[in-house]
């Protein structure tokens, strides 16, 4: 499937992603500004992305733990998600996301 990732410089990248993998891995494998230091364990917040509002319902709501972590972030917005917590599926083909600015 193809998704669109917008990097921190605003450049759009169409990338191939596999079903069943976390969005975080698809971004990392395509060298899109996501560090994912913790490897997807929801502890470092370096995979923070903004989901295009048109896709929020399909992507689903944040878990309570994810919401708690994101609520404390400087660049958190309503469409903020941790890409390690979004499992790609056929329903998400065409997804558009933007990498959030670093917190530092």
PDB file of N, CA and C in Angstrom:
ATOM      1  N   UNK A   1       0.837  -1.167   0.000  1.00  0.00           N
ATOM      2  CA  UNK A   1       0.000   0.000   0.000  1.00  0.00           C
ATOM      3  C   UNK A   1       0.883   1.231   0.000  1.00  0.00           C
ATOM      4  N   UNK A   2       0.344   2.341  -0.453  1.00  0.00           N
ATOM      5  CA  UNK A   2       1.080   3.600  -0.467  1.00  0.00           C
ATOM      6  C   UNK A   2       0.450   4.567   0.518  1.00  0.00           C
ATOM      7  N   UNK A   3       1.301   5.234   1.280  1.00  0.00           N
ATOM      8  CA  UNK A   3       0.862   6.313   2.170  1.00  0.00           C
ATOM      9  C   UNK A   3       1.721   7.531   1.860  1.00  0.00           C
ATOM     10  N   UNK A   4       1.283   8.689   2.332  1.00  0.00           N
ATOM     11  CA  UNK A   4       2.048   9.916   2.129  1.00  0.00           C
ATOM     12  C   UNK A   4       2.528  10.429   3.472  1.00  0.00           C
ATOM     13  N   UNK A   5       3.829  10.656   3.552  1.00  0.00           N
ATOM     14  CA  UNK A   5       4.428  11.209   4.761  1.00  0.00           C
ATOM     15  C   UNK A   5       5.027  12.566   4.411  1.00  0.00           C
ATOM     16  N   UNK A   6       4.763  13.546   5.258  1.00  0.00           N
ATOM     17  CA  UNK A   6       5.328  14.878   5.082  1.00  0.00           C
ATOM     18  C   UNK A   6       6.414  15.035   6.139  1.00  0.00           C
ATOM     19  N   UNK A   7       7.641  15.313   5.687  1.00  0.00           N
ATOM     20  CA  UNK A   7       8.742  15.435   6.639  1.00  0.00           C
ATOM     21  C   UNK A   7       8.735  16.806   7.317  1.00  0.00           C
ATOM     22  N   UNK A   8       9.681  17.033   8.193  1.00  0.00           N
ATOM     23  CA  UNK A   8       9.730  18.277   8.971  1.00  0.00           C
ATOM     24  C   UNK A   8      10.021  19.511   8.129  1.00  0.00           C
ATOM     25  N   UNK A   9      10.502  19.317   6.917  1.00  0.00           N
ATOM     26  CA  UNK A   9      10.738  20.446   6.019  1.00  0.00           C
ATOM     27  C   UNK A   9       9.528  20.721   5.121  1.00  0.00           C
ATOM     28  N   UNK A  10       8.479  19.909   5.267  1.00  0.00           N
ATOM     29  CA  UNK A  10       7.271  20.099   4.472  1.00  0.00           C
ATOM     30  C   UNK A  10       7.271  19.365   3.145  1.00  0.00           C
ATOM     31  N   UNK A  11       8.251  18.505   2.926  1.00  0.00           N
ATOM     32  CA  UNK A  11       8.343  17.745   1.675  1.00  0.00           C
ATOM     33  C   UNK A  11       7.498  16.480   1.785  1.00  0.00           C
ATOM     34  N   UNK A  12       6.652  16.266   0.781  1.00  0.00           N
ATOM     35  CA  UNK A  12       5.804  15.072   0.739  1.00  0.00           C
ATOM     36  C   UNK A  12       6.567  13.894   0.146  1.00  0.00           C
ATOM     37  N   UNK A  13       6.389  12.726   0.766  1.00  0.00           N
ATOM     38  CA  UNK A  13       7.032  11.504   0.300  1.00  0.00           C
ATOM     39  C   UNK A  13       5.986  10.400   0.178  1.00  0.00           C
ATOM     40  N   UNK A  14       5.686   9.939  -1.038  1.00  0.00           N
ATOM     41  CA  UNK A  14       4.846   8.740  -1.150  1.00  0.00           C
ATOM     42  C   UNK A  14       5.729   7.545  -0.789  1.00  0.00           C
ATOM     43  N   UNK A  15       5.262   6.719   0.135  1.00  0.00           N
ATOM     44  CA  UNK A  15       6.073   5.573   0.544  1.00  0.00           C
ATOM     45  C   UNK A  15       5.239   4.296   0.507  1.00  0.00           C
ATOM     46  N   UNK A  16       5.929   3.208   0.227  1.00  0.00           N
ATOM     47  CA  UNK A  16       5.294   1.895   0.267  1.00  0.00           C
ATOM     48  C   UNK A  16       5.346   1.397   1.699  1.00  0.00           C
ATOM     49  N   UNK A  17       4.246   0.865   2.155  1.00  0.00           N
ATOM     50  CA  UNK A  17       4.162   0.352   3.528  1.00  0.00           C
ATOM     51  C   UNK A  17       3.459  -0.995   3.499  1.00  0.00           C
ATOM     52  N   UNK A  18       3.856  -1.843   4.426  1.00  0.00           N
ATOM     53  CA  UNK A  18       3.261  -3.170   4.496  1.00  0.00           C
ATOM     54  C   UNK A  18       2.125  -3.242   5.488  1.00  0.00           C
ATOM     55  N   UNK A  19       1.095  -3.970   5.136  1.00  0.00           N
ATOM     56  CA  UNK A  19      -0.018  -4.202   6.066  1.00  0.00           C
ATOM     57  C   UNK A  19       0.479  -4.937   7.295  1.00  0.00           C
ATOM     58  N   UNK A  20      -0.057  -4.560   8.437  1.00  0.00           N
ATOM     59  CA  UNK A  20       0.276  -5.234   9.675  1.00  0.00           C
ATOM     60  C   UNK A  20       1.486  -4.676  10.395  1.00  0.00           C
ATOM     61  N   UNK A  21       2.201  -3.758   9.768  1.00  0.00           N
ATOM     62  CA  UNK A  21       3.355  -3.155  10.435  1.00  0.00           C
ATOM     63  C   UNK A  21       2.964  -1.811  11.028  1.00  0.00           C
ATOM     64  N   UNK A  22       3.663  -1.386  12.071  1.00  0.00           N
ATOM     65  CA  UNK A  22       3.385  -0.058  12.621  1.00  0.00           C
ATOM     66  C   UNK A  22       3.802   1.033  11.626  1.00  0.00           C
ATOM     67  N   UNK A  23       3.057   2.096  11.603  1.00  0.00           N
ATOM     68  CA  UNK A  23       3.392   3.248  10.770  1.00  0.00           C
ATOM     69  C   UNK A  23       4.835   3.680  11.033  1.00  0.00           C
ATOM     70  N   UNK A  24       5.267   3.615  12.277  1.00  0.00           N
ATOM     71  CA  UNK A  24       6.622   4.006  12.656  1.00  0.00           C
ATOM     72  C   UNK A  24       7.670   3.297  11.799  1.00  0.00           C
ATOM     73  N   UNK A  25       7.529   1.990  11.578  1.00  0.00           N
ATOM     74  CA  UNK A  25       8.525   1.240  10.809  1.00  0.00           C
ATOM     75  C   UNK A  25       8.521   1.669   9.352  1.00  0.00           C
ATOM     76  N   UNK A  26       7.358   1.920   8.805  1.00  0.00           N
ATOM     77  CA  UNK A  26       7.283   2.376   7.408  1.00  0.00           C
ATOM     78  C   UNK A  26       8.002   3.720   7.257  1.00  0.00           C
ATOM     79  N   UNK A  27       7.830   4.597   8.229  1.00  0.00           N
ATOM     80  CA  UNK A  27       8.499   5.893   8.181  1.00  0.00           C
ATOM     81  C   UNK A  27      10.011   5.734   8.312  1.00  0.00           C
ATOM     82  N   UNK A  28      10.442   4.941   9.270  1.00  0.00           N
ATOM     83  CA  UNK A  28      11.887   4.731   9.474  1.00  0.00           C
ATOM     84  C   UNK A  28      12.535   4.074   8.264  1.00  0.00           C
ATOM     85  N   UNK A  29      11.886   3.063   7.722  1.00  0.00           N
ATOM     86  CA  UNK A  29      12.457   2.346   6.573  1.00  0.00           C
ATOM     87  C   UNK A  29      12.613   3.244   5.348  1.00  0.00           C
ATOM     88  N   UNK A  30      11.865   4.350   5.319  1.00  0.00           N
ATOM     89  CA  UNK A  30      11.923   5.283   4.202  1.00  0.00           C
ATOM     90  C   UNK A  30      12.638   6.582   4.577  1.00  0.00           C
ATOM     91  N   UNK A  31      13.371   6.546   5.685  1.00  0.00           N
ATOM     92  CA  UNK A  31      14.194   7.684   6.127  1.00  0.00           C
ATOM     93  C   UNK A  31      13.404   8.979   6.301  1.00  0.00           C
ATOM     94  N   UNK A  32      12.221   8.852   6.901  1.00  0.00           N
ATOM     95  CA  UNK A  32      11.377  10.018   7.163  1.00  0.00           C
ATOM     96  C   UNK A  32      11.528  10.418   8.629  1.00  0.00           C
ATOM     97  N   UNK A  33      12.322  11.387   8.964  1.00  0.00           N
ATOM     98  CA  UNK A  33      12.480  12.091  10.249  1.00  0.00           C
ATOM     99  C   UNK A  33      11.939  11.456  11.525  1.00  0.00           C
ATOM    100  N   UNK A  34      11.749  10.171  11.594  1.00  0.00           N
ATOM    101  CA  UNK A  34      11.235   9.544  12.809  1.00  0.00           C
ATOM    102  C   UNK A  34      12.364   8.733  13.438  1.00  0.00           C
ATOM    103  N   UNK A  35      12.743   9.107  14.650  1.00  0.00           N
ATOM    104  CA  UNK A  35      13.851   8.428  15.311  1.00  0.00           C
ATOM    105  C   UNK A  35      13.421   7.107  15.940  1.00  0.00           C
ATOM    106  N   UNK A  36      12.295   7.083  16.611  1.00  0.00           N
ATOM    107  CA  UNK A  36      11.781   5.876  17.249  1.00  0.00           C
ATOM    108  C   UNK A  36      12.832   5.228  18.138  1.00  0.00           C
ATOM    109  N   UNK A  37      13.418   6.012  19.000  1.00  0.00           N
ATOM    110  CA  UNK A  37      14.515   5.578  19.858  1.00  0.00           C
ATOM    111  C   UNK A  37      14.146   4.352  20.692  1.00  0.00           C
ATOM    112  N   UNK A  38      12.920   4.290  21.188  1.00  0.00           N
ATOM    113  CA  UNK A  38      12.525   3.179  22.073  1.00  0.00           C
ATOM    114  C   UNK A  38      12.113   1.930  21.294  1.00  0.00           C
ATOM    115  N   UNK A  39      12.091   2.009  19.976  1.00  0.00           N
ATOM    116  CA  UNK A  39      11.749   0.842  19.169  1.00  0.00           C
ATOM    117  C   UNK A  39      10.274   0.490  19.175  1.00  0.00           C
ATOM    118  N   UNK A  40       9.429   1.428  19.520  1.00  0.00           N
ATOM    119  CA  UNK A  40       7.986   1.177  19.477  1.00  0.00           C
ATOM    120  C   UNK A  40       7.364   0.807  20.803  1.00  0.00           C
ATOM    121  N   UNK A  41       8.039   1.092  21.897  1.00  0.00           N
ATOM    122  CA  UNK A  41       7.528   0.748  23.221  1.00  0.00           C
ATOM    123  C   UNK A  41       6.785   1.900  23.911  1.00  0.00           C
ATOM    124  N   UNK A  42       6.478   2.935  23.154  1.00  0.00           N
ATOM    125  CA  UNK A  42       5.682   4.069  23.637  1.00  0.00           C
ATOM    126  C   UNK A  42       6.316   4.724  24.869  1.00  0.00           C
ATOM    127  N   UNK A  43       7.630   4.947  24.795  1.00  0.00           N
ATOM    128  CA  UNK A  43       8.280   5.592  25.934  1.00  0.00           C
ATOM    129  C   UNK A  43       9.143   6.787  25.560  1.00  0.00           C
ATOM    130  N   UNK A  44       9.504   6.946  24.297  1.00  0.00           N
ATOM    131  CA  UNK A  44      10.419   8.037  23.941  1.00  0.00           C
ATOM    132  C   UNK A  44       9.729   9.204  23.233  1.00  0.00           C
ATOM    133  N   UNK A  45       8.605   8.964  22.629  1.00  0.00           N
ATOM    134  CA  UNK A  45       7.821   9.972  21.910  1.00  0.00           C
ATOM    135  C   UNK A  45       8.524  10.550  20.690  1.00  0.00           C
ATOM    136  N   UNK A  46       9.574   9.883  20.194  1.00  0.00           N
ATOM    137  CA  UNK A  46      10.288  10.396  19.022  1.00  0.00           C
ATOM    138  C   UNK A  46       9.664   9.931  17.702  1.00  0.00           C
ATOM    139  N   UNK A  47       8.477   9.333  17.769  1.00  0.00           N
ATOM    140  CA  UNK A  47       7.762   8.935  16.548  1.00  0.00           C
ATOM    141  C   UNK A  47       6.436   9.700  16.427  1.00  0.00           C
ATOM    142  N   UNK A  48       6.366  10.850  17.076  1.00  0.00           N
ATOM    143  CA  UNK A  48       5.164  11.693  17.100  1.00  0.00           C
ATOM    144  C   UNK A  48       4.852  12.207  15.689  1.00  0.00           C
ATOM    145  N   UNK A  49       3.627  11.982  15.253  1.00  0.00           N
ATOM    146  CA  UNK A  49       3.157  12.465  13.953  1.00  0.00           C
ATOM    147  C   UNK A  49       1.791  13.120  14.108  1.00  0.00           C
ATOM    148  N   UNK A  50       1.444  13.898  13.104  1.00  0.00           N
ATOM    149  CA  UNK A  50       0.093  14.451  12.997  1.00  0.00           C
ATOM    150  C   UNK A  50      -0.618  13.695  11.884  1.00  0.00           C
ATOM    151  N   UNK A  51      -1.763  13.155  12.189  1.00  0.00           N
ATOM    152  CA  UNK A  51      -2.578  12.456  11.198  1.00  0.00           C
ATOM    153  C   UNK A  51      -3.469  13.481  10.507  1.00  0.00           C
ATOM    154  N   UNK A  52      -3.509  13.416   9.195  1.00  0.00           N
ATOM    155  CA  UNK A  52      -4.380  14.327   8.448  1.00  0.00           C
ATOM    156  C   UNK A  52      -5.795  14.184   8.999  1.00  0.00           C
ATOM    157  N   UNK A  53      -6.476  15.302   9.288  1.00  0.00           N
ATOM    158  CA  UNK A  53      -7.810  15.234   9.891  1.00  0.00           C
ATOM    159  C   UNK A  53      -8.799  14.335   9.146  1.00  0.00           C
ATOM    160  N   UNK A  54      -8.676  14.240   7.836  1.00  0.00           N
ATOM    161  CA  UNK A  54      -9.585  13.386   7.067  1.00  0.00           C
ATOM    162  C   UNK A  54      -9.403  11.906   7.407  1.00  0.00           C
ATOM    163  N   UNK A  55      -8.282  11.551   8.028  1.00  0.00           N
ATOM    164  CA  UNK A  55      -7.964  10.153   8.341  1.00  0.00           C
ATOM    165  C   UNK A  55      -8.134   9.804   9.809  1.00  0.00           C
ATOM    166  N   UNK A  56      -8.405  10.766  10.651  1.00  0.00           N
ATOM    167  CA  UNK A  56      -8.458  10.511  12.088  1.00  0.00           C
ATOM    168  C   UNK A  56      -9.440   9.417  12.484  1.00  0.00           C
ATOM    169  N   UNK A  57     -10.613   9.441  11.914  1.00  0.00           N
ATOM    170  CA  UNK A  57     -11.618   8.439  12.283  1.00  0.00           C
ATOM    171  C   UNK A  57     -11.172   7.030  11.902  1.00  0.00           C
ATOM    172  N   UNK A  58     -10.578   6.890  10.715  1.00  0.00           N
ATOM    173  CA  UNK A  58     -10.121   5.565  10.274  1.00  0.00           C
ATOM    174  C   UNK A  58      -8.944   5.063  11.099  1.00  0.00           C
ATOM    175  N   UNK A  59      -8.060   5.972  11.469  1.00  0.00           N
ATOM    176  CA  UNK A  59      -6.888   5.580  12.259  1.00  0.00           C
ATOM    177  C   UNK A  59      -7.309   5.142  13.655  1.00  0.00           C
ATOM    178  N   UNK A  60      -8.310   5.800  14.201  1.00  0.00           N
ATOM    179  CA  UNK A  60      -8.813   5.434  15.523  1.00  0.00           C
ATOM    180  C   UNK A  60      -8.283   6.346  16.611  1.00  0.00           C
ATOM    181  N   UNK A  61      -8.872   6.207  17.759  1.00  0.00           N
ATOM    182  CA  UNK A  61      -8.542   7.055  18.899  1.00  0.00           C
ATOM    183  C   UNK A  61      -7.262   6.582  19.585  1.00  0.00           C
ATOM    184  N   UNK A  62      -6.650   7.512  20.279  1.00  0.00           N
ATOM    185  CA  UNK A  62      -5.474   7.186  21.090  1.00  0.00           C
ATOM    186  C   UNK A  62      -5.892   6.337  22.272  1.00  0.00           C
ATOM    187  N   UNK A  63      -5.001   5.473  22.704  1.00  0.00           N
ATOM    188  CA  UNK A  63      -5.247   4.756  23.954  1.00  0.00           C
ATOM    189  C   UNK A  63      -5.077   5.758  25.092  1.00  0.00           C
ATOM    190  N   UNK A  64      -5.516   5.393  26.275  1.00  0.00           N
ATOM    191  CA  UNK A  64      -5.368   6.279  27.427  1.00  0.00           C
ATOM    192  C   UNK A  64      -3.922   6.604  27.721  1.00  0.00           C
ATOM    193  N   UNK A  65      -3.053   5.592  27.649  1.00  0.00           N
ATOM    194  CA  UNK A  65      -1.629   5.807  27.923  1.00  0.00           C
ATOM    195  C   UNK A  65      -0.996   6.712  26.861  1.00  0.00           C
ATOM    196  N   UNK A  66      -1.349   6.489  25.603  1.00  0.00           N
ATOM    197  CA  UNK A  66      -0.823   7.323  24.520  1.00  0.00           C
ATOM    198  C   UNK A  66      -1.292   8.770  24.694  1.00  0.00           C
ATOM    199  N   UNK A  67      -2.554   8.950  25.024  1.00  0.00           N
ATOM    200  CA  UNK A  67      -3.090  10.299  25.238  1.00  0.00           C
ATOM    201  C   UNK A  67      -2.375  10.997  26.392  1.00  0.00           C
ATOM    202  N   UNK A  68      -2.134  10.270  27.478  1.00  0.00           N
ATOM    203  CA  UNK A  68      -1.423  10.854  28.622  1.00  0.00           C
ATOM    204  C   UNK A  68      -0.028  11.321  28.222  1.00  0.00           C
ATOM    205  N   UNK A  69       0.675  10.523  27.453  1.00  0.00           N
ATOM    206  CA  UNK A  69       2.025  10.881  27.015  1.00  0.00           C
ATOM    207  C   UNK A  69       2.006  12.094  26.090  1.00  0.00           C
ATOM    208  N   UNK A  70       1.084  12.098  25.149  1.00  0.00           N
ATOM    209  CA  UNK A  70       1.033  13.191  24.183  1.00  0.00           C
ATOM    210  C   UNK A  70       0.529  14.491  24.800  1.00  0.00           C
ATOM    211  N   UNK A  71      -0.326  14.412  25.783  1.00  0.00           N
ATOM    212  CA  UNK A  71      -0.865  15.626  26.404  1.00  0.00           C
ATOM    213  C   UNK A  71       0.220  16.494  27.031  1.00  0.00           C
ATOM    214  N   UNK A  72       1.337  15.883  27.409  1.00  0.00           N
ATOM    215  CA  UNK A  72       2.432  16.622  28.040  1.00  0.00           C
ATOM    216  C   UNK A  72       3.428  17.194  27.035  1.00  0.00           C
ATOM    217  N   UNK A  73       3.201  16.985  25.763  1.00  0.00           N
ATOM    218  CA  UNK A  73       4.156  17.415  24.745  1.00  0.00           C
ATOM    219  C   UNK A  73       3.884  18.840  24.268  1.00  0.00           C
ATOM    220  N   UNK A  74       4.951  19.577  24.051  1.00  0.00           N
ATOM    221  CA  UNK A  74       4.883  20.959  23.600  1.00  0.00           C
ATOM    222  C   UNK A  74       4.135  21.094  22.272  1.00  0.00           C
ATOM    223  N   UNK A  75       4.376  20.164  21.359  1.00  0.00           N
ATOM    224  CA  UNK A  75       3.800  20.263  20.009  1.00  0.00           C
ATOM    225  C   UNK A  75       2.571  19.381  19.807  1.00  0.00           C
ATOM    226  N   UNK A  76       1.939  18.964  20.888  1.00  0.00           N
ATOM    227  CA  UNK A  76       0.766  18.099  20.792  1.00  0.00           C
ATOM    228  C   UNK A  76      -0.435  18.860  20.250  1.00  0.00           C
ATOM    229  N   UNK A  77      -1.174  18.198  19.383  1.00  0.00           N
ATOM    230  CA  UNK A  77      -2.411  18.755  18.815  1.00  0.00           C
ATOM    231  C   UNK A  77      -3.469  17.654  18.824  1.00  0.00           C
ATOM    232  N   UNK A  78      -4.674  18.013  18.464  1.00  0.00           N
ATOM    233  CA  UNK A  78      -5.773  17.043  18.451  1.00  0.00           C
ATOM    234  C   UNK A  78      -5.479  15.861  17.523  1.00  0.00           C
ATOM    235  N   UNK A  79      -4.741  16.103  16.468  1.00  0.00           N
ATOM    236  CA  UNK A  79      -4.449  15.034  15.507  1.00  0.00           C
ATOM    237  C   UNK A  79      -3.110  14.342  15.780  1.00  0.00           C
ATOM    238  N   UNK A  80      -2.521  14.576  16.932  1.00  0.00           N
ATOM    239  CA  UNK A  80      -1.267  13.930  17.317  1.00  0.00           C
ATOM    240  C   UNK A  80      -1.468  12.457  17.619  1.00  0.00           C
ATOM    241  N   UNK A  81      -0.534  11.659  17.128  1.00  0.00           N
ATOM    242  CA  UNK A  81      -0.481  10.224  17.444  1.00  0.00           C
ATOM    243  C   UNK A  81       0.970   9.799  17.500  1.00  0.00           C
ATOM    244  N   UNK A  82       1.210   8.690  18.171  1.00  0.00           N
ATOM    245  CA  UNK A  82       2.518   8.060  18.127  1.00  0.00           C
ATOM    246  C   UNK A  82       2.456   7.031  17.007  1.00  0.00           C
ATOM    247  N   UNK A  83       3.351   7.167  16.043  1.00  0.00           N
ATOM    248  CA  UNK A  83       3.280   6.285  14.873  1.00  0.00           C
ATOM    249  C   UNK A  83       3.531   4.824  15.233  1.00  0.00           C
ATOM    250  N   UNK A  84       4.155   4.571  16.381  1.00  0.00           N
ATOM    251  CA  UNK A  84       4.361   3.181  16.809  1.00  0.00           C
ATOM    252  C   UNK A  84       3.057   2.518  17.230  1.00  0.00           C
ATOM    253  N   UNK A  85       2.019   3.307  17.460  1.00  0.00           N
ATOM    254  CA  UNK A  85       0.744   2.777  17.935  1.00  0.00           C
ATOM    255  C   UNK A  85      -0.299   2.647  16.829  1.00  0.00           C
ATOM    256  N   UNK A  86       0.096   2.911  15.598  1.00  0.00           N
ATOM    257  CA  UNK A  86      -0.831   2.818  14.463  1.00  0.00           C
ATOM    258  C   UNK A  86      -0.417   1.642  13.594  1.00  0.00           C
ATOM    259  N   UNK A  87      -1.230   0.592  13.632  1.00  0.00           N
ATOM    260  CA  UNK A  87      -0.958  -0.567  12.784  1.00  0.00           C
ATOM    261  C   UNK A  87      -1.582  -0.336  11.419  1.00  0.00           C
ATOM    262  N   UNK A  88      -0.767  -0.447  10.388  1.00  0.00           N
ATOM    263  CA  UNK A  88      -1.250  -0.212   9.034  1.00  0.00           C
ATOM    264  C   UNK A  88      -2.106  -1.378   8.556  1.00  0.00           C
ATOM    265  N   UNK A  89      -3.185  -1.036   7.897  1.00  0.00           N
ATOM    266  CA  UNK A  89      -4.104  -2.024   7.332  1.00  0.00           C
ATOM    267  C   UNK A  89      -4.572  -1.516   5.974  1.00  0.00           C
ATOM    268  N   UNK A  90      -5.237  -2.366   5.228  1.00  0.00           N
ATOM    269  CA  UNK A  90      -5.735  -1.978   3.907  1.00  0.00           C
ATOM    270  C   UNK A  90      -6.632  -0.752   3.994  1.00  0.00           C
ATOM    271  N   UNK A  91      -7.353  -0.598   5.096  1.00  0.00           N
ATOM    272  CA  UNK A  91      -8.226   0.572   5.288  1.00  0.00           C
ATOM    273  C   UNK A  91      -7.444   1.876   5.349  1.00  0.00           C
ATOM    274  N   UNK A  92      -6.140   1.792   5.614  1.00  0.00           N
ATOM    275  CA  UNK A  92      -5.323   2.995   5.739  1.00  0.00           C
ATOM    276  C   UNK A  92      -4.490   3.288   4.488  1.00  0.00           C
ATOM    277  N   UNK A  93      -4.738   2.552   3.404  1.00  0.00           N
ATOM    278  CA  UNK A  93      -4.064   2.866   2.141  1.00  0.00           C
ATOM    279  C   UNK A  93      -4.413   4.290   1.755  1.00  0.00           C
ATOM    280  N   UNK A  94      -3.400   5.090   1.461  1.00  0.00           N
ATOM    281  CA  UNK A  94      -3.607   6.494   1.120  1.00  0.00           C
ATOM    282  C   UNK A  94      -3.458   7.440   2.302  1.00  0.00           C
ATOM    283  N   UNK A  95      -3.242   6.896   3.489  1.00  0.00           N
ATOM    284  CA  UNK A  95      -3.074   7.702   4.697  1.00  0.00           C
ATOM    285  C   UNK A  95      -2.061   8.817   4.477  1.00  0.00           C
ATOM    286  N   UNK A  96      -2.319   9.947   5.099  1.00  0.00           N
ATOM    287  CA  UNK A  96      -1.395  11.082   5.036  1.00  0.00           C
ATOM    288  C   UNK A  96      -1.053  11.499   6.463  1.00  0.00           C
ATOM    289  N   UNK A  97       0.244  11.619   6.742  1.00  0.00           N
ATOM    290  CA  UNK A  97       0.684  12.058   8.066  1.00  0.00           C
ATOM    291  C   UNK A  97       1.857  13.025   7.917  1.00  0.00           C
ATOM    292  N   UNK A  98       2.067  13.805   8.963  1.00  0.00           N
ATOM    293  CA  UNK A  98       3.156  14.773   8.988  1.00  0.00           C
ATOM    294  C   UNK A  98       3.966  14.535  10.264  1.00  0.00           C
ATOM    295  N   UNK A  99       5.271  14.496  10.137  1.00  0.00           N
ATOM    296  CA  UNK A  99       6.129  14.304  11.295  1.00  0.00           C
ATOM    297  C   UNK A  99       6.121  15.583  12.137  1.00  0.00           C
ATOM    298  N   UNK A 100       5.867  15.423  13.429  1.00  0.00           N
ATOM    299  CA  UNK A 100       5.818  16.560  14.360  1.00  0.00           C
ATOM    300  C   UNK A 100       7.232  17.097  14.607  1.00  0.00           C
ATOM    301  N   UNK A 101       7.337  18.374  14.987  1.00  0.00           N
ATOM    302  CA  UNK A 101       8.657  18.917  15.323  1.00  0.00           C
ATOM    303  C   UNK A 101       9.240  18.194  16.537  1.00  0.00           C
ATOM    304  N   UNK A 102      10.560  18.182  16.656  1.00  0.00           N
ATOM    305  CA  UNK A 102      11.169  17.564  17.831  1.00  0.00           C
ATOM    306  C   UNK A 102      10.829  18.364  19.086  1.00  0.00           C
ATOM    307  N   UNK A 103      10.802  17.709  20.210  1.00  0.00           N
ATOM    308  CA  UNK A 103      10.425  18.366  21.459  1.00  0.00           C
ATOM    309  C   UNK A 103      11.542  19.223  22.054  1.00  0.00           C
ATOM    310  N   UNK A 104      12.766  18.977  21.671  1.00  0.00           N
ATOM    311  CA  UNK A 104      13.902  19.674  22.271  1.00  0.00           C
ATOM    312  C   UNK A 104      14.093  21.043  21.865  1.00  0.00           C
TER     313      UNK A 104
END
